[in-house]
Amino acid sequence: MSLDAPEQTVVLRHPWLHDGAEMWRVARDSKRLDLNTPYAYMLWTRDFHATSLVAEVDGTVVGFVTGYWRPEEPTTLMVWQIAVDETQRGKGLAGRMLDEIVARTDAYSLETTIVADNPASNRLFASFAERHAAQHTVTDLFAEEHFPDEDEWQAELLHRITPLRREGLRRTTALA
């Protein structure tokens, strides 16, 4: 007799308006992300639908990745936030979401910002680069002095991972 819990099916799909509140909940409960307003997550589902994903288990959003195309570099996908519900952590879901959003968008490069003291995110993006046999560079982007004085902010480091594919530059924006 096995005491292991049955494997849950995770569905990765583009977000819809009704997912915005659940994305906000996952971000809030992560206690790690800068929390945006619920309105921002709903707007994200509308305006960046094709460059974002949610992970769903039994009809409940348990993770998400939000991204957008860099206007100055239209083959670079900028990952704004990635979060996984506590019930799904340690199962490789964040890596699966990154792999899937890059596959669906056919991004040539991926960028994100991470503070230095976030080892989980640093490992996530380093392992993503390794899986894709891509160069991973880290440079300063926003120093503490760039942020408002009201709160204590940490410097944001830019992680750039490229190239993610070798063939011609092609990008899809299908709403699948």
N, C-alpha and C. Protein backbone atom coordinates (compact mmCIF):
# COMPACT_ATOMS: atom_id res chain seq x y z
N MET A 1 0.84 -1.18 0.00
CA MET A 1 0.00 0.00 0.00
C MET A 1 0.89 1.24 0.00
N SER A 2 0.62 2.14 -0.91
CA SER A 2 1.41 3.36 -1.03
C SER A 2 0.74 4.49 -0.26
N LEU A 3 1.54 5.22 0.47
CA LEU A 3 1.03 6.38 1.20
C LEU A 3 1.27 7.67 0.44
N ASP A 4 1.87 7.56 -0.75
CA ASP A 4 2.13 8.74 -1.55
C ASP A 4 0.82 9.33 -2.07
N ALA A 5 0.74 10.63 -2.08
CA ALA A 5 -0.44 11.30 -2.63
C ALA A 5 -0.46 11.11 -4.13
N PRO A 6 -1.66 10.99 -4.72
CA PRO A 6 -1.73 10.85 -6.17
C PRO A 6 -1.17 12.09 -6.85
N GLU A 7 -0.55 11.88 -8.00
CA GLU A 7 0.03 12.98 -8.77
C GLU A 7 -1.10 13.88 -9.28
N GLN A 8 -0.96 15.17 -9.09
CA GLN A 8 -1.96 16.12 -9.56
C GLN A 8 -1.62 16.57 -10.97
N THR A 9 -2.64 16.73 -11.79
CA THR A 9 -2.44 17.22 -13.14
C THR A 9 -2.38 18.74 -13.13
N VAL A 10 -1.30 19.27 -13.66
CA VAL A 10 -1.12 20.72 -13.75
C VAL A 10 -1.36 21.13 -15.20
N VAL A 11 -2.26 22.07 -15.38
CA VAL A 11 -2.56 22.61 -16.70
C VAL A 11 -1.90 23.98 -16.81
N LEU A 12 -1.10 24.16 -17.85
CA LEU A 12 -0.48 25.46 -18.12
C LEU A 12 -1.24 26.10 -19.27
N ARG A 13 -1.71 27.31 -19.06
CA ARG A 13 -2.50 28.01 -20.08
C ARG A 13 -2.31 29.51 -19.93
N HIS A 14 -2.69 30.24 -20.98
CA HIS A 14 -2.66 31.69 -20.91
C HIS A 14 -3.76 32.16 -19.96
N PRO A 15 -3.54 33.26 -19.24
CA PRO A 15 -4.54 33.73 -18.28
C PRO A 15 -5.68 34.49 -18.94
N TRP A 16 -6.82 34.47 -18.25
CA TRP A 16 -7.99 35.23 -18.64
C TRP A 16 -8.35 36.17 -17.50
N LEU A 17 -9.24 37.10 -17.76
CA LEU A 17 -9.61 38.11 -16.77
C LEU A 17 -9.95 37.50 -15.41
N HIS A 18 -10.71 36.42 -15.40
CA HIS A 18 -11.12 35.83 -14.12
C HIS A 18 -9.95 35.25 -13.33
N ASP A 19 -8.78 35.12 -13.95
CA ASP A 19 -7.59 34.62 -13.24
C ASP A 19 -6.86 35.72 -12.47
N GLY A 20 -7.14 36.98 -12.76
CA GLY A 20 -6.40 38.08 -12.15
C GLY A 20 -6.42 38.06 -10.63
N ALA A 21 -7.57 37.84 -10.03
CA ALA A 21 -7.67 37.82 -8.57
C ALA A 21 -6.88 36.66 -7.97
N GLU A 22 -6.89 35.52 -8.64
CA GLU A 22 -6.13 34.37 -8.15
C GLU A 22 -4.63 34.59 -8.30
N MET A 23 -4.22 35.25 -9.38
CA MET A 23 -2.81 35.58 -9.54
C MET A 23 -2.37 36.51 -8.42
N TRP A 24 -3.21 37.49 -8.08
CA TRP A 24 -2.91 38.40 -6.98
C TRP A 24 -2.75 37.61 -5.67
N ARG A 25 -3.64 36.64 -5.43
CA ARG A 25 -3.58 35.83 -4.21
C ARG A 25 -2.27 35.05 -4.14
N VAL A 26 -1.89 34.42 -5.25
CA VAL A 26 -0.63 33.65 -5.27
C VAL A 26 0.55 34.58 -5.01
N ALA A 27 0.54 35.77 -5.62
CA ALA A 27 1.63 36.74 -5.40
C ALA A 27 1.66 37.18 -3.94
N ARG A 28 0.51 37.51 -3.39
CA ARG A 28 0.43 37.94 -1.99
C ARG A 28 0.94 36.87 -1.05
N ASP A 29 0.49 35.65 -1.26
CA ASP A 29 0.85 34.55 -0.37
C ASP A 29 2.30 34.13 -0.51
N SER A 30 2.95 34.51 -1.61
CA SER A 30 4.36 34.14 -1.79
C SER A 30 5.24 34.84 -0.76
N LYS A 31 4.80 35.99 -0.29
CA LYS A 31 5.56 36.80 0.69
C LYS A 31 6.96 37.16 0.19
N ARG A 32 7.19 37.03 -1.10
CA ARG A 32 8.50 37.31 -1.66
C ARG A 32 8.43 38.36 -2.77
N LEU A 33 7.32 38.37 -3.49
CA LEU A 33 7.17 39.29 -4.62
C LEU A 33 6.74 40.67 -4.16
N ASP A 34 7.08 41.68 -4.95
CA ASP A 34 6.47 42.99 -4.76
C ASP A 34 5.03 42.85 -5.23
N LEU A 35 4.09 43.07 -4.32
CA LEU A 35 2.69 42.85 -4.63
C LEU A 35 2.10 44.04 -5.37
N ASN A 36 1.54 43.77 -6.54
CA ASN A 36 0.83 44.78 -7.30
C ASN A 36 -0.63 44.78 -6.86
N THR A 37 -1.40 45.73 -7.33
CA THR A 37 -2.82 45.78 -7.00
C THR A 37 -3.56 44.67 -7.76
N PRO A 38 -4.73 44.24 -7.25
CA PRO A 38 -5.53 43.28 -8.02
C PRO A 38 -5.83 43.80 -9.42
N TYR A 39 -6.08 45.10 -9.53
CA TYR A 39 -6.33 45.72 -10.84
C TYR A 39 -5.18 45.45 -11.80
N ALA A 40 -3.94 45.56 -11.32
CA ALA A 40 -2.77 45.35 -12.18
C ALA A 40 -2.75 43.92 -12.73
N TYR A 41 -3.08 42.95 -11.89
CA TYR A 41 -3.09 41.56 -12.36
C TYR A 41 -4.20 41.33 -13.37
N MET A 42 -5.36 41.97 -13.17
CA MET A 42 -6.44 41.84 -14.15
C MET A 42 -6.05 42.50 -15.47
N LEU A 43 -5.43 43.67 -15.38
CA LEU A 43 -4.96 44.35 -16.58
C LEU A 43 -3.92 43.49 -17.30
N TRP A 44 -3.06 42.84 -16.52
CA TRP A 44 -2.03 41.98 -17.10
C TRP A 44 -2.67 40.86 -17.92
N THR A 45 -3.76 40.27 -17.41
CA THR A 45 -4.40 39.17 -18.14
C THR A 45 -4.97 39.65 -19.47
N ARG A 46 -5.34 40.91 -19.53
CA ARG A 46 -5.87 41.46 -20.78
C ARG A 46 -4.77 41.87 -21.74
N ASP A 47 -3.82 42.66 -21.27
CA ASP A 47 -2.84 43.28 -22.16
C ASP A 47 -1.62 42.41 -22.45
N PHE A 48 -1.32 41.46 -21.58
CA PHE A 48 -0.14 40.61 -21.77
C PHE A 48 -0.52 39.13 -21.72
N HIS A 49 -1.71 38.84 -22.16
CA HIS A 49 -2.26 37.49 -22.18
C HIS A 49 -1.33 36.50 -22.90
N ALA A 50 -0.84 36.88 -24.07
CA ALA A 50 -0.05 35.97 -24.90
C ALA A 50 1.36 35.74 -24.38
N THR A 51 1.82 36.58 -23.45
CA THR A 51 3.18 36.44 -22.93
C THR A 51 3.17 36.09 -21.44
N SER A 52 2.06 35.54 -20.99
CA SER A 52 1.91 35.13 -19.59
C SER A 52 1.22 33.77 -19.54
N LEU A 53 1.41 33.08 -18.42
CA LEU A 53 0.78 31.77 -18.20
C LEU A 53 0.29 31.67 -16.77
N VAL A 54 -0.74 30.85 -16.57
CA VAL A 54 -1.11 30.41 -15.24
C VAL A 54 -0.98 28.90 -15.20
N ALA A 55 -0.70 28.40 -14.01
CA ALA A 55 -0.69 26.95 -13.75
C ALA A 55 -1.92 26.67 -12.92
N GLU A 56 -2.67 25.66 -13.33
CA GLU A 56 -3.94 25.37 -12.69
C GLU A 56 -3.98 23.90 -12.27
N VAL A 57 -4.47 23.64 -11.06
CA VAL A 57 -4.70 22.29 -10.56
C VAL A 57 -6.15 22.24 -10.08
N ASP A 58 -6.91 21.32 -10.62
CA ASP A 58 -8.32 21.16 -10.24
C ASP A 58 -9.09 22.49 -10.26
N GLY A 59 -8.84 23.31 -11.28
CA GLY A 59 -9.57 24.55 -11.44
C GLY A 59 -9.07 25.71 -10.60
N THR A 60 -8.00 25.51 -9.83
CA THR A 60 -7.44 26.57 -8.99
C THR A 60 -6.08 27.00 -9.51
N VAL A 61 -5.88 28.30 -9.63
CA VAL A 61 -4.58 28.83 -10.06
C VAL A 61 -3.58 28.60 -8.94
N VAL A 62 -2.48 27.89 -9.26
CA VAL A 62 -1.45 27.57 -8.27
C VAL A 62 -0.09 28.16 -8.65
N GLY A 63 -0.07 28.93 -9.72
CA GLY A 63 1.18 29.57 -10.13
C GLY A 63 0.93 30.42 -11.35
N PHE A 64 1.88 31.32 -11.61
CA PHE A 64 1.78 32.14 -12.81
C PHE A 64 3.15 32.68 -13.17
N VAL A 65 3.28 33.04 -14.43
CA VAL A 65 4.43 33.80 -14.92
C VAL A 65 3.86 34.91 -15.79
N THR A 66 4.31 36.14 -15.53
CA THR A 66 3.88 37.27 -16.34
C THR A 66 5.09 37.82 -17.08
N GLY A 67 4.87 38.17 -18.32
CA GLY A 67 5.96 38.68 -19.13
C GLY A 67 5.45 39.62 -20.20
N TYR A 68 6.37 40.28 -20.86
CA TYR A 68 6.03 41.17 -21.97
C TYR A 68 7.23 41.26 -22.90
N TRP A 69 6.96 41.66 -24.14
CA TRP A 69 8.04 41.86 -25.11
C TRP A 69 8.68 43.21 -24.85
N ARG A 70 10.01 43.25 -24.81
CA ARG A 70 10.74 44.52 -24.66
C ARG A 70 10.55 45.34 -25.92
N PRO A 71 10.03 46.56 -25.83
CA PRO A 71 9.81 47.37 -27.03
C PRO A 71 11.08 47.60 -27.85
N GLU A 72 12.21 47.79 -27.17
CA GLU A 72 13.47 48.05 -27.89
C GLU A 72 14.11 46.77 -28.40
N GLU A 73 13.68 45.63 -27.88
CA GLU A 73 14.23 44.33 -28.28
C GLU A 73 13.06 43.36 -28.44
N PRO A 74 12.38 43.40 -29.58
CA PRO A 74 11.13 42.66 -29.74
C PRO A 74 11.24 41.14 -29.75
N THR A 75 12.44 40.59 -29.66
CA THR A 75 12.58 39.13 -29.53
C THR A 75 12.98 38.74 -28.10
N THR A 76 12.98 39.73 -27.20
CA THR A 76 13.33 39.49 -25.80
C THR A 76 12.08 39.52 -24.94
N LEU A 77 11.83 38.41 -24.26
CA LEU A 77 10.71 38.30 -23.33
C LEU A 77 11.20 38.71 -21.95
N MET A 78 10.59 39.76 -21.39
CA MET A 78 10.92 40.21 -20.04
C MET A 78 9.95 39.54 -19.08
N VAL A 79 10.46 38.71 -18.18
CA VAL A 79 9.62 38.07 -17.18
C VAL A 79 9.47 39.04 -16.01
N TRP A 80 8.24 39.49 -15.79
CA TRP A 80 7.94 40.47 -14.75
C TRP A 80 7.84 39.78 -13.39
N GLN A 81 7.02 38.76 -13.29
CA GLN A 81 6.88 38.02 -12.03
C GLN A 81 6.65 36.55 -12.33
N ILE A 82 7.11 35.72 -11.40
CA ILE A 82 6.82 34.29 -11.44
C ILE A 82 6.59 33.86 -10.00
N ALA A 83 5.51 33.13 -9.78
CA ALA A 83 5.17 32.71 -8.42
C ALA A 83 4.49 31.35 -8.46
N VAL A 84 4.72 30.58 -7.41
CA VAL A 84 4.11 29.26 -7.26
C VAL A 84 3.51 29.17 -5.86
N ASP A 85 2.28 28.69 -5.79
CA ASP A 85 1.60 28.49 -4.51
C ASP A 85 2.42 27.54 -3.63
N GLU A 86 2.38 27.79 -2.34
CA GLU A 86 3.16 26.98 -1.40
C GLU A 86 2.87 25.48 -1.54
N THR A 87 1.64 25.12 -1.89
CA THR A 87 1.28 23.70 -2.02
C THR A 87 1.97 23.02 -3.19
N GLN A 88 2.51 23.81 -4.12
CA GLN A 88 3.11 23.24 -5.33
C GLN A 88 4.61 23.46 -5.42
N ARG A 89 5.20 24.07 -4.40
CA ARG A 89 6.64 24.36 -4.44
C ARG A 89 7.45 23.08 -4.33
N GLY A 90 8.64 23.12 -4.92
CA GLY A 90 9.54 21.97 -4.87
C GLY A 90 9.23 20.89 -5.88
N LYS A 91 8.33 21.17 -6.81
CA LYS A 91 7.92 20.18 -7.81
C LYS A 91 8.40 20.55 -9.22
N GLY A 92 9.18 21.61 -9.32
CA GLY A 92 9.69 22.03 -10.63
C GLY A 92 8.70 22.84 -11.46
N LEU A 93 7.63 23.30 -10.84
CA LEU A 93 6.59 24.00 -11.60
C LEU A 93 7.08 25.33 -12.16
N ALA A 94 7.85 26.08 -11.41
CA ALA A 94 8.35 27.37 -11.92
C ALA A 94 9.19 27.16 -13.18
N GLY A 95 10.06 26.17 -13.17
CA GLY A 95 10.87 25.86 -14.34
C GLY A 95 10.02 25.43 -15.52
N ARG A 96 8.98 24.63 -15.26
CA ARG A 96 8.07 24.21 -16.33
C ARG A 96 7.36 25.41 -16.95
N MET A 97 6.94 26.36 -16.10
CA MET A 97 6.26 27.54 -16.63
C MET A 97 7.20 28.37 -17.50
N LEU A 98 8.45 28.53 -17.07
CA LEU A 98 9.41 29.27 -17.89
C LEU A 98 9.65 28.58 -19.22
N ASP A 99 9.86 27.26 -19.18
CA ASP A 99 10.08 26.51 -20.42
C ASP A 99 8.88 26.67 -21.36
N GLU A 100 7.68 26.59 -20.80
CA GLU A 100 6.46 26.66 -21.61
C GLU A 100 6.24 28.04 -22.21
N ILE A 101 6.47 29.10 -21.44
CA ILE A 101 6.22 30.43 -21.99
C ILE A 101 7.24 30.75 -23.09
N VAL A 102 8.46 30.28 -22.94
CA VAL A 102 9.46 30.49 -23.99
C VAL A 102 9.09 29.68 -25.23
N ALA A 103 8.62 28.45 -25.05
CA ALA A 103 8.21 27.63 -26.19
C ALA A 103 7.01 28.25 -26.92
N ARG A 104 6.04 28.73 -26.17
CA ARG A 104 4.84 29.30 -26.79
C ARG A 104 5.11 30.62 -27.49
N THR A 105 6.03 31.40 -26.98
CA THR A 105 6.31 32.71 -27.57
C THR A 105 7.44 32.66 -28.58
N ASP A 106 8.24 31.61 -28.54
CA ASP A 106 9.41 31.48 -29.41
C ASP A 106 10.41 32.61 -29.16
N ALA A 107 10.54 33.00 -27.89
CA ALA A 107 11.47 34.08 -27.53
C ALA A 107 12.90 33.69 -27.86
N TYR A 108 13.67 34.65 -28.30
CA TYR A 108 15.09 34.45 -28.57
C TYR A 108 15.91 34.69 -27.31
N SER A 109 15.48 35.64 -26.50
CA SER A 109 16.16 35.97 -25.25
C SER A 109 15.12 36.15 -24.15
N LEU A 110 15.56 35.96 -22.92
CA LEU A 110 14.71 36.15 -21.76
C LEU A 110 15.46 37.05 -20.79
N GLU A 111 14.74 38.00 -20.20
CA GLU A 111 15.31 38.85 -19.16
C GLU A 111 14.39 38.85 -17.96
N THR A 112 14.98 39.08 -16.80
CA THR A 112 14.22 39.28 -15.57
C THR A 112 15.11 40.06 -14.61
N THR A 113 14.51 40.60 -13.57
CA THR A 113 15.31 41.23 -12.52
C THR A 113 15.10 40.46 -11.23
N ILE A 114 16.18 40.33 -10.47
CA ILE A 114 16.16 39.60 -9.20
C ILE A 114 17.05 40.34 -8.22
N VAL A 115 16.62 40.42 -6.96
CA VAL A 115 17.49 40.97 -5.93
C VAL A 115 18.52 39.90 -5.55
N ALA A 116 19.67 40.34 -5.11
CA ALA A 116 20.78 39.42 -4.82
C ALA A 116 20.44 38.39 -3.75
N ASP A 117 19.61 38.76 -2.78
CA ASP A 117 19.34 37.82 -1.68
C ASP A 117 18.10 36.95 -1.91
N ASN A 118 17.83 36.62 -3.17
CA ASN A 118 16.73 35.71 -3.49
C ASN A 118 17.33 34.46 -4.13
N PRO A 119 17.87 33.55 -3.31
CA PRO A 119 18.56 32.38 -3.87
C PRO A 119 17.66 31.47 -4.70
N ALA A 120 16.38 31.36 -4.34
CA ALA A 120 15.49 30.48 -5.11
C ALA A 120 15.33 30.98 -6.54
N SER A 121 15.10 32.27 -6.72
CA SER A 121 14.96 32.83 -8.07
C SER A 121 16.28 32.78 -8.82
N ASN A 122 17.37 33.05 -8.13
CA ASN A 122 18.68 32.96 -8.79
C ASN A 122 18.93 31.55 -9.31
N ARG A 123 18.60 30.53 -8.51
CA ARG A 123 18.76 29.13 -8.94
C ARG A 123 17.82 28.80 -10.09
N LEU A 124 16.58 29.27 -10.00
CA LEU A 124 15.59 29.00 -11.04
C LEU A 124 16.09 29.47 -12.41
N PHE A 125 16.56 30.70 -12.50
CA PHE A 125 16.98 31.23 -13.79
C PHE A 125 18.32 30.67 -14.23
N ALA A 126 19.21 30.35 -13.30
CA ALA A 126 20.48 29.71 -13.67
C ALA A 126 20.21 28.32 -14.24
N SER A 127 19.30 27.57 -13.62
CA SER A 127 19.01 26.22 -14.14
C SER A 127 18.25 26.30 -15.46
N PHE A 128 17.41 27.32 -15.64
CA PHE A 128 16.73 27.53 -16.91
C PHE A 128 17.76 27.74 -18.02
N ALA A 129 18.74 28.62 -17.77
CA ALA A 129 19.79 28.89 -18.77
C ALA A 129 20.56 27.62 -19.09
N GLU A 130 20.86 26.84 -18.07
CA GLU A 130 21.60 25.59 -18.28
C GLU A 130 20.79 24.61 -19.13
N ARG A 131 19.50 24.45 -18.83
CA ARG A 131 18.64 23.55 -19.61
C ARG A 131 18.59 23.95 -21.07
N HIS A 132 18.65 25.23 -21.33
CA HIS A 132 18.54 25.74 -22.70
C HIS A 132 19.90 26.00 -23.34
N ALA A 133 20.97 25.61 -22.66
CA ALA A 133 22.34 25.79 -23.16
C ALA A 133 22.55 27.23 -23.65
N ALA A 134 22.09 28.17 -22.84
CA ALA A 134 22.16 29.59 -23.20
C ALA A 134 23.10 30.33 -22.25
N GLN A 135 23.64 31.41 -22.74
CA GLN A 135 24.50 32.26 -21.91
C GLN A 135 23.63 33.00 -20.90
N HIS A 136 24.12 33.10 -19.67
CA HIS A 136 23.39 33.76 -18.58
C HIS A 136 24.29 34.85 -18.01
N THR A 137 23.92 36.10 -18.24
CA THR A 137 24.70 37.21 -17.71
C THR A 137 23.88 37.96 -16.67
N VAL A 138 24.57 38.48 -15.67
CA VAL A 138 23.93 39.25 -14.60
C VAL A 138 24.64 40.59 -14.50
N THR A 139 23.86 41.67 -14.61
CA THR A 139 24.43 43.02 -14.53
C THR A 139 23.55 43.88 -13.62
N ASP A 140 24.11 44.97 -13.13
CA ASP A 140 23.34 45.93 -12.33
C ASP A 140 22.30 46.58 -13.23
N LEU A 141 21.10 46.79 -12.69
CA LEU A 141 20.07 47.51 -13.44
C LEU A 141 19.55 48.70 -12.63
N PHE A 142 18.94 48.43 -11.47
CA PHE A 142 18.40 49.49 -10.63
C PHE A 142 19.07 49.43 -9.26
N ALA A 143 19.80 50.48 -8.91
CA ALA A 143 20.45 50.56 -7.60
C ALA A 143 19.45 51.06 -6.56
N GLU A 144 19.80 50.88 -5.29
CA GLU A 144 18.92 51.32 -4.20
C GLU A 144 18.53 52.79 -4.34
N GLU A 145 19.48 53.62 -4.78
CA GLU A 145 19.20 55.06 -4.85
C GLU A 145 18.21 55.42 -5.95
N HIS A 146 17.89 54.49 -6.85
CA HIS A 146 16.88 54.76 -7.87
C HIS A 146 15.46 54.68 -7.32
N PHE A 147 15.30 54.05 -6.18
CA PHE A 147 13.97 53.83 -5.60
C PHE A 147 13.59 54.96 -4.65
N PRO A 148 12.28 55.12 -4.37
CA PRO A 148 11.84 56.16 -3.43
C PRO A 148 12.42 55.92 -2.03
N ASP A 149 12.55 57.00 -1.27
CA ASP A 149 13.12 56.91 0.07
C ASP A 149 12.16 56.33 1.11
N GLU A 150 10.87 56.27 0.82
CA GLU A 150 9.88 55.86 1.83
C GLU A 150 10.08 54.43 2.32
N ASP A 151 10.52 53.56 1.47
CA ASP A 151 10.69 52.15 1.83
C ASP A 151 12.14 51.75 1.64
N GLU A 152 12.47 50.62 2.23
CA GLU A 152 13.81 50.07 2.03
C GLU A 152 13.78 49.15 0.82
N TRP A 153 14.50 49.50 -0.21
CA TRP A 153 14.52 48.73 -1.45
C TRP A 153 15.90 48.14 -1.67
N GLN A 154 15.94 47.01 -2.31
CA GLN A 154 17.20 46.38 -2.67
C GLN A 154 17.47 46.60 -4.16
N ALA A 155 18.73 46.59 -4.51
CA ALA A 155 19.11 46.73 -5.92
C ALA A 155 18.55 45.55 -6.71
N GLU A 156 18.11 45.85 -7.92
CA GLU A 156 17.60 44.82 -8.84
C GLU A 156 18.68 44.53 -9.87
N LEU A 157 19.02 43.25 -9.99
CA LEU A 157 20.02 42.81 -10.96
C LEU A 157 19.32 42.27 -12.20
N LEU A 158 19.81 42.64 -13.36
CA LEU A 158 19.24 42.16 -14.62
C LEU A 158 19.89 40.84 -15.00
N HIS A 159 19.05 39.82 -15.17
CA HIS A 159 19.49 38.51 -15.66
C HIS A 159 19.07 38.42 -17.12
N ARG A 160 20.03 38.19 -17.99
CA ARG A 160 19.75 38.05 -19.43
C ARG A 160 20.21 36.67 -19.86
N ILE A 161 19.30 35.92 -20.49
CA ILE A 161 19.57 34.56 -20.92
C ILE A 161 19.32 34.49 -22.42
N THR A 162 20.39 34.17 -23.16
CA THR A 162 20.31 34.19 -24.62
C THR A 162 21.47 33.41 -25.22
N PRO A 163 21.38 32.87 -26.40
CA PRO A 163 20.18 32.71 -27.21
C PRO A 163 19.39 31.48 -26.76
N LEU A 164 18.08 31.56 -26.90
CA LEU A 164 17.21 30.45 -26.52
C LEU A 164 16.84 29.58 -27.71
N ARG A 165 17.14 30.04 -28.90
CA ARG A 165 16.92 29.23 -30.10
C ARG A 165 17.93 29.67 -31.15
N ARG A 166 18.17 28.80 -32.05
CA ARG A 166 19.23 29.06 -33.03
C ARG A 166 18.68 29.43 -34.41
N GLU A 167 17.45 29.04 -34.72
CA GLU A 167 16.90 29.29 -36.05
C GLU A 167 16.49 30.75 -36.20
N GLY A 168 15.89 31.08 -37.32
CA GLY A 168 15.50 32.46 -37.62
C GLY A 168 14.61 33.07 -36.56
N LEU A 169 14.56 34.37 -36.54
CA LEU A 169 13.79 35.08 -35.54
C LEU A 169 12.31 35.06 -35.92
N ARG A 170 11.54 34.36 -35.12
CA ARG A 170 10.11 34.23 -35.35
C ARG A 170 9.42 34.34 -34.00
N ARG A 171 8.27 34.96 -33.98
CA ARG A 171 7.55 35.13 -32.73
C ARG A 171 6.07 34.91 -33.00
N THR A 172 5.42 34.19 -32.11
CA THR A 172 3.98 33.98 -32.25
C THR A 172 3.27 34.73 -31.14
N THR A 173 2.05 35.14 -31.43
CA THR A 173 1.24 35.80 -30.42
C THR A 173 -0.13 35.15 -30.34
N ALA A 174 -0.20 33.87 -30.63
CA ALA A 174 -1.47 33.15 -30.59
C ALA A 174 -2.06 33.20 -29.19
N LEU A 175 -3.37 33.24 -29.12
CA LEU A 175 -4.06 33.31 -27.84
C LEU A 175 -4.49 31.94 -27.34
N ALA A 176 -3.78 30.91 -27.72
CA ALA A 176 -4.15 29.55 -27.31
C ALA A 176 -4.08 29.39 -25.82
